[in-house]
Amino acid sequence: MPNWKVQPIKYGSAVMNEETVIIYREQQKFGLWLRWLVYLSMGVAVVISVFALKKGYAGEASQETLEIVLAVIVGIGVPVAIMAMFLLLKLETEVRPDGLYVRFFPFHIHFKRFGREELSEYYARQYKPIREYGGWGIRYSLRNGKAYNVSGNQGVQLVFTNGKRLLIGSQKADELETAIRSILENH
């Protein structure tokens, strides 16, 4: 049997009672420079909104409460929510004996399972994120299918038995390909 790690799998705050074999695990976040760019731009938006609110509503008791609440939500709440989302965003990829599991948190609360029986082809490859998929994140392309990626230009291309395609971005594409091969060859 290959050298597989056995770890308890956590789902939210609960841990599965039985131990689950994880052959490969990778967790990725958006690049630090991109996160800081988002944080900085959202911080500037919050500061501008606060000053605009102070200046616009100072001494005006007749302003509608609803207008003030909407201004606070749009001017401060939305940028803070975007910053919080970027803190939480992560792409998790696991290979287990029964298939490939992918989760783009917080958009996918639970892992999406792609069973061994669903895969017809898989291979590590270099790709052009902007040209092929229009950037990073959860991306759709009529020509290339779907992609889950957060940074870089390496990944594993999956082709399913139904003809659909999914590219999973990875900083260790060759290792991911090897892990997928191990579950297909051992069953």
N, C-alpha and C. Protein backbone atom coordinates (compact mmCIF):
# COMPACT_ATOMS: atom_id res chain seq x y z
N MET A 1 0.85 -1.19 0.00
CA MET A 1 0.00 0.00 0.00
C MET A 1 0.89 1.24 0.00
N PRO A 2 0.55 2.26 -0.78
CA PRO A 2 1.35 3.48 -0.81
C PRO A 2 1.42 4.14 0.56
N ASN A 3 2.33 5.08 0.70
CA ASN A 3 2.52 5.80 1.96
C ASN A 3 1.44 6.88 2.09
N TRP A 4 0.25 6.49 2.59
CA TRP A 4 -0.86 7.41 2.74
C TRP A 4 -0.94 7.87 4.18
N LYS A 5 -1.27 9.15 4.38
CA LYS A 5 -1.45 9.70 5.73
C LYS A 5 -2.90 9.51 6.16
N VAL A 6 -3.10 9.14 7.40
CA VAL A 6 -4.44 9.01 7.95
C VAL A 6 -4.66 10.17 8.90
N GLN A 7 -5.70 10.97 8.61
CA GLN A 7 -6.00 12.14 9.43
C GLN A 7 -7.50 12.22 9.64
N PRO A 8 -7.94 12.69 10.82
CA PRO A 8 -9.37 12.95 10.97
C PRO A 8 -9.75 14.16 10.11
N ILE A 9 -10.88 14.12 9.47
CA ILE A 9 -11.34 15.20 8.61
C ILE A 9 -12.31 16.07 9.40
N LYS A 10 -12.08 17.37 9.38
CA LYS A 10 -12.96 18.31 10.07
C LYS A 10 -13.95 18.91 9.08
N TYR A 11 -15.20 18.92 9.45
CA TYR A 11 -16.24 19.59 8.68
C TYR A 11 -16.87 20.61 9.61
N GLY A 12 -16.52 21.87 9.43
CA GLY A 12 -17.00 22.91 10.34
C GLY A 12 -16.40 22.65 11.71
N SER A 13 -17.23 22.57 12.73
CA SER A 13 -16.72 22.33 14.07
C SER A 13 -16.74 20.85 14.42
N ALA A 14 -17.36 20.02 13.57
CA ALA A 14 -17.44 18.59 13.86
C ALA A 14 -16.27 17.85 13.21
N VAL A 15 -15.82 16.81 13.87
CA VAL A 15 -14.78 15.96 13.31
C VAL A 15 -15.41 14.59 13.08
N MET A 16 -15.17 14.02 11.90
CA MET A 16 -15.71 12.70 11.62
C MET A 16 -15.15 11.71 12.63
N ASN A 17 -15.99 10.78 13.08
CA ASN A 17 -15.57 9.79 14.06
C ASN A 17 -14.53 8.83 13.50
N GLU A 18 -14.73 8.41 12.27
CA GLU A 18 -13.76 7.49 11.69
C GLU A 18 -12.65 8.27 11.00
N GLU A 19 -11.48 7.68 10.96
CA GLU A 19 -10.37 8.36 10.32
C GLU A 19 -10.45 8.15 8.81
N THR A 20 -10.11 9.17 8.07
CA THR A 20 -10.17 9.14 6.62
C THR A 20 -8.76 9.27 6.07
N VAL A 21 -8.47 8.48 5.06
CA VAL A 21 -7.15 8.51 4.45
C VAL A 21 -7.06 9.70 3.50
N ILE A 22 -6.02 10.51 3.68
CA ILE A 22 -5.76 11.61 2.77
C ILE A 22 -4.42 11.33 2.11
N ILE A 23 -4.44 11.20 0.81
CA ILE A 23 -3.23 10.91 0.05
C ILE A 23 -2.47 12.19 -0.26
N TYR A 24 -3.22 13.24 -0.54
CA TYR A 24 -2.63 14.53 -0.93
C TYR A 24 -3.54 15.62 -0.42
N ARG A 25 -2.95 16.70 0.07
CA ARG A 25 -3.73 17.85 0.52
C ARG A 25 -2.96 19.13 0.21
N GLU A 26 -3.68 20.10 -0.35
CA GLU A 26 -3.08 21.40 -0.64
C GLU A 26 -4.11 22.47 -0.33
N GLN A 27 -3.65 23.52 0.34
CA GLN A 27 -4.50 24.67 0.62
C GLN A 27 -3.80 25.90 0.07
N GLN A 28 -4.54 26.68 -0.73
CA GLN A 28 -3.96 27.88 -1.36
C GLN A 28 -4.85 29.08 -1.08
N LYS A 29 -4.19 30.23 -0.98
CA LYS A 29 -4.90 31.51 -0.87
C LYS A 29 -4.42 32.41 -2.00
N PHE A 30 -5.18 33.45 -2.24
CA PHE A 30 -4.75 34.41 -3.26
C PHE A 30 -3.41 34.99 -2.86
N GLY A 31 -2.62 35.42 -3.84
CA GLY A 31 -1.30 35.97 -3.59
C GLY A 31 -1.35 37.15 -2.63
N LEU A 32 -0.31 37.28 -1.84
CA LEU A 32 -0.24 38.32 -0.82
C LEU A 32 -0.39 39.72 -1.42
N TRP A 33 0.23 39.94 -2.57
CA TRP A 33 0.16 41.27 -3.19
C TRP A 33 -1.28 41.62 -3.57
N LEU A 34 -2.03 40.63 -4.06
CA LEU A 34 -3.42 40.88 -4.46
C LEU A 34 -4.28 41.14 -3.23
N ARG A 35 -4.07 40.36 -2.18
CA ARG A 35 -4.84 40.59 -0.95
C ARG A 35 -4.58 41.98 -0.39
N TRP A 36 -3.31 42.40 -0.36
CA TRP A 36 -2.99 43.73 0.17
C TRP A 36 -3.57 44.83 -0.71
N LEU A 37 -3.58 44.62 -2.02
CA LEU A 37 -4.18 45.60 -2.92
C LEU A 37 -5.67 45.75 -2.62
N VAL A 38 -6.37 44.64 -2.42
CA VAL A 38 -7.78 44.69 -2.08
C VAL A 38 -7.98 45.37 -0.73
N TYR A 39 -7.18 44.97 0.28
CA TYR A 39 -7.31 45.57 1.62
C TYR A 39 -7.08 47.07 1.56
N LEU A 40 -6.05 47.49 0.84
CA LEU A 40 -5.73 48.92 0.75
C LEU A 40 -6.85 49.69 0.06
N SER A 41 -7.33 49.17 -1.07
CA SER A 41 -8.39 49.89 -1.79
C SER A 41 -9.69 49.92 -1.00
N MET A 42 -10.02 48.85 -0.30
CA MET A 42 -11.23 48.85 0.51
C MET A 42 -11.06 49.77 1.73
N GLY A 43 -9.86 49.80 2.30
CA GLY A 43 -9.60 50.71 3.42
C GLY A 43 -9.76 52.16 3.00
N VAL A 44 -9.26 52.51 1.82
CA VAL A 44 -9.41 53.87 1.29
C VAL A 44 -10.90 54.18 1.09
N ALA A 45 -11.66 53.21 0.58
CA ALA A 45 -13.09 53.42 0.38
C ALA A 45 -13.81 53.69 1.70
N VAL A 46 -13.42 52.96 2.74
CA VAL A 46 -14.03 53.17 4.06
C VAL A 46 -13.70 54.56 4.58
N VAL A 47 -12.44 54.97 4.49
CA VAL A 47 -12.03 56.29 4.99
C VAL A 47 -12.76 57.40 4.24
N ILE A 48 -12.83 57.29 2.92
CA ILE A 48 -13.53 58.30 2.12
C ILE A 48 -15.01 58.34 2.53
N SER A 49 -15.61 57.18 2.73
CA SER A 49 -17.02 57.13 3.13
C SER A 49 -17.26 57.77 4.49
N VAL A 50 -16.37 57.52 5.43
CA VAL A 50 -16.51 58.11 6.76
C VAL A 50 -16.43 59.63 6.67
N PHE A 51 -15.44 60.15 5.93
CA PHE A 51 -15.32 61.60 5.79
C PHE A 51 -16.53 62.20 5.07
N ALA A 52 -17.02 61.51 4.04
CA ALA A 52 -18.19 62.00 3.32
C ALA A 52 -19.42 62.03 4.21
N LEU A 53 -19.56 60.99 5.04
CA LEU A 53 -20.69 60.96 5.97
C LEU A 53 -20.60 62.09 6.99
N LYS A 54 -19.40 62.30 7.53
CA LYS A 54 -19.22 63.38 8.52
C LYS A 54 -19.55 64.73 7.90
N LYS A 55 -19.02 64.96 6.71
CA LYS A 55 -19.21 66.26 6.07
C LYS A 55 -20.66 66.44 5.60
N GLY A 56 -21.22 65.39 5.02
CA GLY A 56 -22.57 65.49 4.45
C GLY A 56 -23.67 65.60 5.47
N TYR A 57 -23.48 65.00 6.63
CA TYR A 57 -24.56 64.96 7.61
C TYR A 57 -24.27 65.77 8.87
N ALA A 58 -23.16 66.46 8.95
CA ALA A 58 -22.83 67.25 10.14
C ALA A 58 -23.80 68.42 10.27
N GLY A 59 -24.49 68.45 11.37
CA GLY A 59 -25.38 69.58 11.66
C GLY A 59 -26.69 69.54 10.92
N GLU A 60 -26.97 68.50 10.16
CA GLU A 60 -28.23 68.44 9.43
C GLU A 60 -29.15 67.43 10.10
N ALA A 61 -29.95 67.90 11.01
CA ALA A 61 -30.85 67.01 11.76
C ALA A 61 -32.02 66.54 10.91
N SER A 62 -32.27 67.17 9.79
CA SER A 62 -33.43 66.83 8.98
C SER A 62 -33.17 65.65 8.02
N GLN A 63 -31.95 65.17 7.96
CA GLN A 63 -31.66 64.06 7.03
C GLN A 63 -32.41 62.81 7.45
N GLU A 64 -32.86 62.08 6.49
CA GLU A 64 -33.58 60.84 6.74
C GLU A 64 -32.65 59.78 7.31
N THR A 65 -33.12 59.07 8.30
CA THR A 65 -32.33 58.00 8.91
C THR A 65 -32.01 56.92 7.90
N LEU A 66 -32.93 56.62 7.01
CA LEU A 66 -32.71 55.59 5.99
C LEU A 66 -31.53 55.94 5.09
N GLU A 67 -31.41 57.21 4.71
CA GLU A 67 -30.28 57.63 3.88
C GLU A 67 -28.96 57.41 4.59
N ILE A 68 -28.92 57.71 5.86
CA ILE A 68 -27.69 57.53 6.64
C ILE A 68 -27.36 56.05 6.74
N VAL A 69 -28.35 55.23 7.02
CA VAL A 69 -28.12 53.78 7.14
C VAL A 69 -27.63 53.21 5.82
N LEU A 70 -28.25 53.58 4.71
CA LEU A 70 -27.81 53.10 3.40
C LEU A 70 -26.39 53.56 3.08
N ALA A 71 -26.08 54.80 3.41
CA ALA A 71 -24.73 55.30 3.17
C ALA A 71 -23.70 54.53 3.98
N VAL A 72 -24.03 54.20 5.21
CA VAL A 72 -23.11 53.42 6.04
C VAL A 72 -22.94 52.01 5.47
N ILE A 73 -24.04 51.39 5.06
CA ILE A 73 -23.97 50.03 4.52
C ILE A 73 -23.14 50.00 3.23
N VAL A 74 -23.46 50.89 2.32
CA VAL A 74 -22.76 50.90 1.03
C VAL A 74 -21.33 51.40 1.17
N GLY A 75 -21.14 52.47 1.91
CA GLY A 75 -19.83 53.08 1.99
C GLY A 75 -18.85 52.40 2.92
N ILE A 76 -19.37 51.73 3.94
CA ILE A 76 -18.48 51.09 4.91
C ILE A 76 -18.70 49.58 4.93
N GLY A 77 -19.95 49.16 4.98
CA GLY A 77 -20.24 47.73 5.10
C GLY A 77 -19.76 46.89 3.93
N VAL A 78 -19.99 47.34 2.71
CA VAL A 78 -19.58 46.57 1.54
C VAL A 78 -18.06 46.42 1.47
N PRO A 79 -17.28 47.49 1.61
CA PRO A 79 -15.82 47.29 1.59
C PRO A 79 -15.32 46.37 2.71
N VAL A 80 -15.89 46.50 3.90
CA VAL A 80 -15.47 45.63 5.00
C VAL A 80 -15.83 44.18 4.69
N ALA A 81 -17.00 43.94 4.11
CA ALA A 81 -17.40 42.58 3.73
C ALA A 81 -16.47 42.00 2.67
N ILE A 82 -16.07 42.80 1.70
CA ILE A 82 -15.14 42.33 0.67
C ILE A 82 -13.79 41.99 1.29
N MET A 83 -13.32 42.83 2.20
CA MET A 83 -12.04 42.54 2.87
C MET A 83 -12.14 41.24 3.66
N ALA A 84 -13.24 41.04 4.37
CA ALA A 84 -13.42 39.81 5.16
C ALA A 84 -13.47 38.59 4.25
N MET A 85 -14.13 38.72 3.10
CA MET A 85 -14.20 37.60 2.17
C MET A 85 -12.81 37.22 1.67
N PHE A 86 -11.99 38.21 1.35
CA PHE A 86 -10.64 37.92 0.88
C PHE A 86 -9.78 37.27 1.96
N LEU A 87 -10.08 37.56 3.22
CA LEU A 87 -9.37 36.89 4.31
C LEU A 87 -9.75 35.41 4.37
N LEU A 88 -11.00 35.10 4.05
CA LEU A 88 -11.50 33.73 4.15
C LEU A 88 -11.25 32.89 2.90
N LEU A 89 -11.12 33.50 1.74
CA LEU A 89 -11.00 32.75 0.49
C LEU A 89 -9.82 31.79 0.51
N LYS A 90 -10.11 30.53 0.17
CA LYS A 90 -9.04 29.56 0.03
C LYS A 90 -9.51 28.40 -0.84
N LEU A 91 -8.58 27.86 -1.59
CA LEU A 91 -8.83 26.70 -2.44
C LEU A 91 -8.19 25.51 -1.77
N GLU A 92 -9.01 24.51 -1.44
CA GLU A 92 -8.52 23.30 -0.79
C GLU A 92 -8.71 22.13 -1.74
N THR A 93 -7.66 21.35 -1.90
CA THR A 93 -7.69 20.19 -2.78
C THR A 93 -7.20 18.98 -1.99
N GLU A 94 -7.96 17.91 -2.03
CA GLU A 94 -7.57 16.67 -1.37
C GLU A 94 -7.76 15.51 -2.32
N VAL A 95 -6.85 14.56 -2.25
CA VAL A 95 -7.01 13.30 -2.97
C VAL A 95 -7.16 12.23 -1.90
N ARG A 96 -8.26 11.48 -1.99
CA ARG A 96 -8.55 10.38 -1.07
C ARG A 96 -8.73 9.12 -1.91
N PRO A 97 -8.72 7.96 -1.31
CA PRO A 97 -8.83 6.73 -2.10
C PRO A 97 -10.07 6.65 -2.99
N ASP A 98 -11.16 7.33 -2.61
CA ASP A 98 -12.38 7.25 -3.41
C ASP A 98 -12.54 8.40 -4.40
N GLY A 99 -11.59 9.34 -4.46
CA GLY A 99 -11.71 10.40 -5.44
C GLY A 99 -10.98 11.68 -5.06
N LEU A 100 -11.25 12.69 -5.86
CA LEU A 100 -10.65 14.02 -5.69
C LEU A 100 -11.70 14.92 -5.06
N TYR A 101 -11.28 15.68 -4.05
CA TYR A 101 -12.18 16.58 -3.33
C TYR A 101 -11.65 18.00 -3.46
N VAL A 102 -12.54 18.92 -3.83
CA VAL A 102 -12.14 20.32 -4.02
C VAL A 102 -13.17 21.21 -3.33
N ARG A 103 -12.66 22.26 -2.68
CA ARG A 103 -13.54 23.22 -2.03
C ARG A 103 -12.93 24.61 -2.19
N PHE A 104 -13.73 25.55 -2.70
CA PHE A 104 -13.32 26.95 -2.81
C PHE A 104 -14.13 27.71 -1.76
N PHE A 105 -13.57 27.75 -0.56
CA PHE A 105 -14.26 28.34 0.59
C PHE A 105 -14.20 29.86 0.51
N PRO A 106 -15.23 30.60 0.76
CA PRO A 106 -16.51 30.29 1.36
C PRO A 106 -17.63 29.99 0.36
N PHE A 107 -17.33 29.91 -0.92
CA PHE A 107 -18.36 29.63 -1.92
C PHE A 107 -18.84 28.19 -1.85
N HIS A 108 -17.94 27.28 -1.55
CA HIS A 108 -18.29 25.87 -1.34
C HIS A 108 -18.10 25.59 0.15
N ILE A 109 -19.17 25.38 0.85
CA ILE A 109 -19.08 25.06 2.28
C ILE A 109 -18.54 23.63 2.43
N HIS A 110 -19.02 22.73 1.61
CA HIS A 110 -18.59 21.34 1.65
C HIS A 110 -17.71 21.04 0.44
N PHE A 111 -16.88 20.03 0.57
CA PHE A 111 -16.05 19.62 -0.55
C PHE A 111 -16.92 19.09 -1.68
N LYS A 112 -16.49 19.36 -2.91
CA LYS A 112 -17.10 18.74 -4.09
C LYS A 112 -16.27 17.50 -4.39
N ARG A 113 -16.92 16.36 -4.50
CA ARG A 113 -16.23 15.11 -4.76
C ARG A 113 -16.30 14.77 -6.24
N PHE A 114 -15.15 14.41 -6.79
CA PHE A 114 -15.08 13.91 -8.16
C PHE A 114 -14.52 12.49 -8.06
N GLY A 115 -15.40 11.51 -8.28
CA GLY A 115 -15.03 10.11 -8.10
C GLY A 115 -14.09 9.60 -9.18
N ARG A 116 -13.36 8.55 -8.82
CA ARG A 116 -12.42 7.93 -9.78
C ARG A 116 -13.14 7.53 -11.06
N GLU A 117 -14.36 7.03 -10.90
CA GLU A 117 -15.13 6.54 -12.05
C GLU A 117 -15.54 7.66 -13.00
N GLU A 118 -15.50 8.91 -12.54
CA GLU A 118 -15.91 10.05 -13.38
C GLU A 118 -14.78 10.55 -14.27
N LEU A 119 -13.53 10.25 -13.93
CA LEU A 119 -12.38 10.79 -14.66
C LEU A 119 -12.02 9.93 -15.86
N SER A 120 -11.88 10.58 -17.00
CA SER A 120 -11.39 9.85 -18.18
C SER A 120 -9.95 10.24 -18.50
N GLU A 121 -9.56 11.44 -18.07
CA GLU A 121 -8.21 11.94 -18.38
C GLU A 121 -7.81 12.97 -17.33
N TYR A 122 -6.53 13.06 -17.05
CA TYR A 122 -6.00 14.06 -16.12
C TYR A 122 -4.53 14.26 -16.44
N TYR A 123 -4.05 15.48 -16.32
CA TYR A 123 -2.64 15.75 -16.57
C TYR A 123 -2.26 17.13 -16.03
N ALA A 124 -1.04 17.20 -15.50
CA ALA A 124 -0.51 18.48 -15.03
C ALA A 124 -0.19 19.32 -16.24
N ARG A 125 -0.45 20.60 -16.14
CA ARG A 125 -0.15 21.48 -17.27
C ARG A 125 0.05 22.91 -16.82
N GLN A 126 0.71 23.66 -17.67
CA GLN A 126 0.85 25.10 -17.49
C GLN A 126 -0.27 25.74 -18.29
N TYR A 127 -0.84 26.79 -17.77
CA TYR A 127 -1.93 27.47 -18.47
C TYR A 127 -1.78 28.98 -18.33
N LYS A 128 -2.57 29.71 -19.10
CA LYS A 128 -2.56 31.17 -19.05
C LYS A 128 -3.88 31.61 -18.43
N PRO A 129 -3.86 31.95 -17.13
CA PRO A 129 -5.12 32.21 -16.42
C PRO A 129 -5.97 33.31 -17.04
N ILE A 130 -5.35 34.39 -17.47
CA ILE A 130 -6.14 35.49 -18.02
C ILE A 130 -6.64 35.16 -19.41
N ARG A 131 -5.79 34.63 -20.25
CA ARG A 131 -6.18 34.33 -21.63
C ARG A 131 -7.18 33.16 -21.70
N GLU A 132 -6.95 32.11 -20.92
CA GLU A 132 -7.79 30.92 -21.03
C GLU A 132 -9.07 31.00 -20.20
N TYR A 133 -9.01 31.68 -19.05
CA TYR A 133 -10.16 31.68 -18.15
C TYR A 133 -10.61 33.07 -17.71
N GLY A 134 -9.90 34.11 -18.09
CA GLY A 134 -10.28 35.46 -17.70
C GLY A 134 -9.84 35.85 -16.30
N GLY A 135 -8.88 35.13 -15.73
CA GLY A 135 -8.35 35.50 -14.42
C GLY A 135 -8.35 34.34 -13.44
N TRP A 136 -8.42 34.69 -12.14
CA TRP A 136 -8.34 33.70 -11.08
C TRP A 136 -9.65 33.66 -10.32
N GLY A 137 -9.89 32.59 -9.61
CA GLY A 137 -11.11 32.40 -8.84
C GLY A 137 -11.85 31.19 -9.37
N ILE A 138 -13.16 31.23 -9.28
CA ILE A 138 -13.98 30.21 -9.92
C ILE A 138 -14.33 30.78 -11.28
N ARG A 139 -13.78 30.20 -12.32
CA ARG A 139 -13.88 30.79 -13.66
C ARG A 139 -14.55 29.82 -14.63
N TYR A 140 -15.24 30.37 -15.61
CA TYR A 140 -15.90 29.58 -16.63
C TYR A 140 -15.44 30.05 -18.00
N SER A 141 -15.21 29.10 -18.87
CA SER A 141 -14.82 29.41 -20.23
C SER A 141 -15.56 28.45 -21.16
N LEU A 142 -16.18 28.99 -22.20
CA LEU A 142 -16.87 28.13 -23.15
C LEU A 142 -15.90 27.16 -23.83
N ARG A 143 -14.71 27.63 -24.05
CA ARG A 143 -13.71 26.85 -24.78
C ARG A 143 -12.98 25.86 -23.87
N ASN A 144 -12.64 26.28 -22.64
CA ASN A 144 -11.79 25.47 -21.78
C ASN A 144 -12.49 24.83 -20.58
N GLY A 145 -13.77 25.11 -20.39
CA GLY A 145 -14.48 24.55 -19.25
C GLY A 145 -14.33 25.42 -18.02
N LYS A 146 -14.37 24.80 -16.86
CA LYS A 146 -14.34 25.50 -15.59
C LYS A 146 -12.94 25.44 -15.00
N ALA A 147 -12.61 26.44 -14.17
CA ALA A 147 -11.32 26.45 -13.46
C ALA A 147 -11.53 26.93 -12.04
N TYR A 148 -10.81 26.29 -11.12
CA TYR A 148 -10.69 26.77 -9.75
C TYR A 148 -9.22 27.09 -9.57
N ASN A 149 -8.89 28.37 -9.39
CA ASN A 149 -7.48 28.73 -9.21
C ASN A 149 -7.38 30.01 -8.39
N VAL A 150 -6.25 30.17 -7.70
CA VAL A 150 -6.06 31.37 -6.90
C VAL A 150 -4.78 32.11 -7.23
N SER A 151 -3.80 31.42 -7.78
CA SER A 151 -2.56 32.11 -8.16
C SER A 151 -1.74 31.19 -9.05
N GLY A 152 -0.78 31.78 -9.71
CA GLY A 152 0.13 30.98 -10.54
C GLY A 152 -0.47 30.58 -11.87
N ASN A 153 0.26 29.70 -12.54
CA ASN A 153 -0.16 29.26 -13.87
C ASN A 153 0.03 27.74 -14.04
N GLN A 154 0.02 27.02 -12.93
CA GLN A 154 0.16 25.56 -12.97
C GLN A 154 -1.12 24.93 -12.43
N GLY A 155 -1.45 23.77 -12.95
CA GLY A 155 -2.63 23.07 -12.46
C GLY A 155 -2.73 21.69 -13.05
N VAL A 156 -3.81 21.01 -12.69
CA VAL A 156 -4.11 19.70 -13.24
C VAL A 156 -5.42 19.81 -13.99
N GLN A 157 -5.38 19.43 -15.24
CA GLN A 157 -6.56 19.45 -16.10
C GLN A 157 -7.28 18.12 -15.93
N LEU A 158 -8.55 18.19 -15.59
CA LEU A 158 -9.37 16.99 -15.50
C LEU A 158 -10.32 16.98 -16.68
N VAL A 159 -10.48 15.81 -17.28
CA VAL A 159 -11.48 15.61 -18.33
C VAL A 159 -12.37 14.48 -17.83
N PHE A 160 -13.65 14.74 -17.75
CA PHE A 160 -14.59 13.77 -17.21
C PHE A 160 -15.17 12.89 -18.31
N THR A 161 -15.77 11.79 -17.91
CA THR A 161 -16.34 10.84 -18.87
C THR A 161 -17.47 11.48 -19.68
N ASN A 162 -18.10 12.52 -19.14
CA ASN A 162 -19.17 13.21 -19.87
C ASN A 162 -18.63 14.30 -20.81
N GLY A 163 -17.30 14.44 -20.87
CA GLY A 163 -16.67 15.41 -21.76
C GLY A 163 -16.39 16.77 -21.13
N LYS A 164 -16.94 17.03 -19.96
CA LYS A 164 -16.69 18.32 -19.30
C LYS A 164 -15.26 18.37 -18.80
N ARG A 165 -14.78 19.62 -18.63
CA ARG A 165 -13.40 19.84 -18.22
C ARG A 165 -13.34 20.73 -16.99
N LEU A 166 -12.36 20.45 -16.13
CA LEU A 166 -12.14 21.26 -14.93
C LEU A 166 -10.64 21.36 -14.72
N LEU A 167 -10.16 22.60 -14.60
CA LEU A 167 -8.76 22.82 -14.27
C LEU A 167 -8.69 23.19 -12.80
N ILE A 168 -7.84 22.49 -12.06
CA ILE A 168 -7.62 22.82 -10.65
C ILE A 168 -6.22 23.40 -10.54
N GLY A 169 -6.15 24.69 -10.20
CA GLY A 169 -4.87 25.33 -10.01
C GLY A 169 -4.13 24.72 -8.84
N SER A 170 -2.81 24.62 -8.97
CA SER A 170 -2.02 24.00 -7.90
C SER A 170 -0.59 24.55 -7.95
N GLN A 171 -0.02 24.75 -6.79
CA GLN A 171 1.39 25.13 -6.71
C GLN A 171 2.26 23.89 -6.81
N LYS A 172 1.64 22.71 -6.74
CA LYS A 172 2.36 21.43 -6.81
C LYS A 172 1.63 20.52 -7.80
N ALA A 173 1.50 20.96 -9.03
CA ALA A 173 0.70 20.25 -10.02
C ALA A 173 1.20 18.83 -10.27
N ASP A 174 2.51 18.63 -10.31
CA ASP A 174 3.04 17.29 -10.56
C ASP A 174 2.70 16.34 -9.41
N GLU A 175 2.77 16.84 -8.17
CA GLU A 175 2.42 16.01 -7.01
C GLU A 175 0.93 15.66 -7.02
N LEU A 176 0.09 16.63 -7.40
CA LEU A 176 -1.34 16.38 -7.48
C LEU A 176 -1.64 15.34 -8.54
N GLU A 177 -0.99 15.45 -9.69
CA GLU A 177 -1.18 14.47 -10.76
C GLU A 177 -0.76 13.08 -10.29
N THR A 178 0.36 12.98 -9.59
CA THR A 178 0.84 11.70 -9.07
C THR A 178 -0.15 11.11 -8.06
N ALA A 179 -0.71 11.95 -7.20
CA ALA A 179 -1.69 11.47 -6.22
C ALA A 179 -2.95 10.95 -6.91
N ILE A 180 -3.41 11.65 -7.94
CA ILE A 180 -4.59 11.19 -8.68
C ILE A 180 -4.27 9.85 -9.35
N ARG A 181 -3.11 9.74 -9.95
CA ARG A 181 -2.69 8.49 -10.58
C ARG A 181 -2.71 7.33 -9.58
N SER A 182 -2.25 7.62 -8.34
CA SER A 182 -2.18 6.56 -7.34
C SER A 182 -3.55 5.99 -6.99
N ILE A 183 -4.59 6.82 -6.98
CA ILE A 183 -5.91 6.28 -6.65
C ILE A 183 -6.54 5.56 -7.84
N LEU A 184 -6.16 5.95 -9.05
CA LEU A 184 -6.71 5.28 -10.23
C LEU A 184 -6.02 3.94 -10.48
N GLU A 185 -4.74 3.87 -10.19
CA GLU A 185 -3.99 2.63 -10.43
C GLU A 185 -4.18 1.60 -9.33
N ASN A 186 -4.54 2.04 -8.13
CA ASN A 186 -4.69 1.12 -7.01
C ASN A 186 -6.10 0.57 -6.87
N HIS A 187 -6.98 0.89 -7.80
CA HIS A 187 -8.34 0.35 -7.71
C HIS A 187 -8.81 -0.11 -9.05
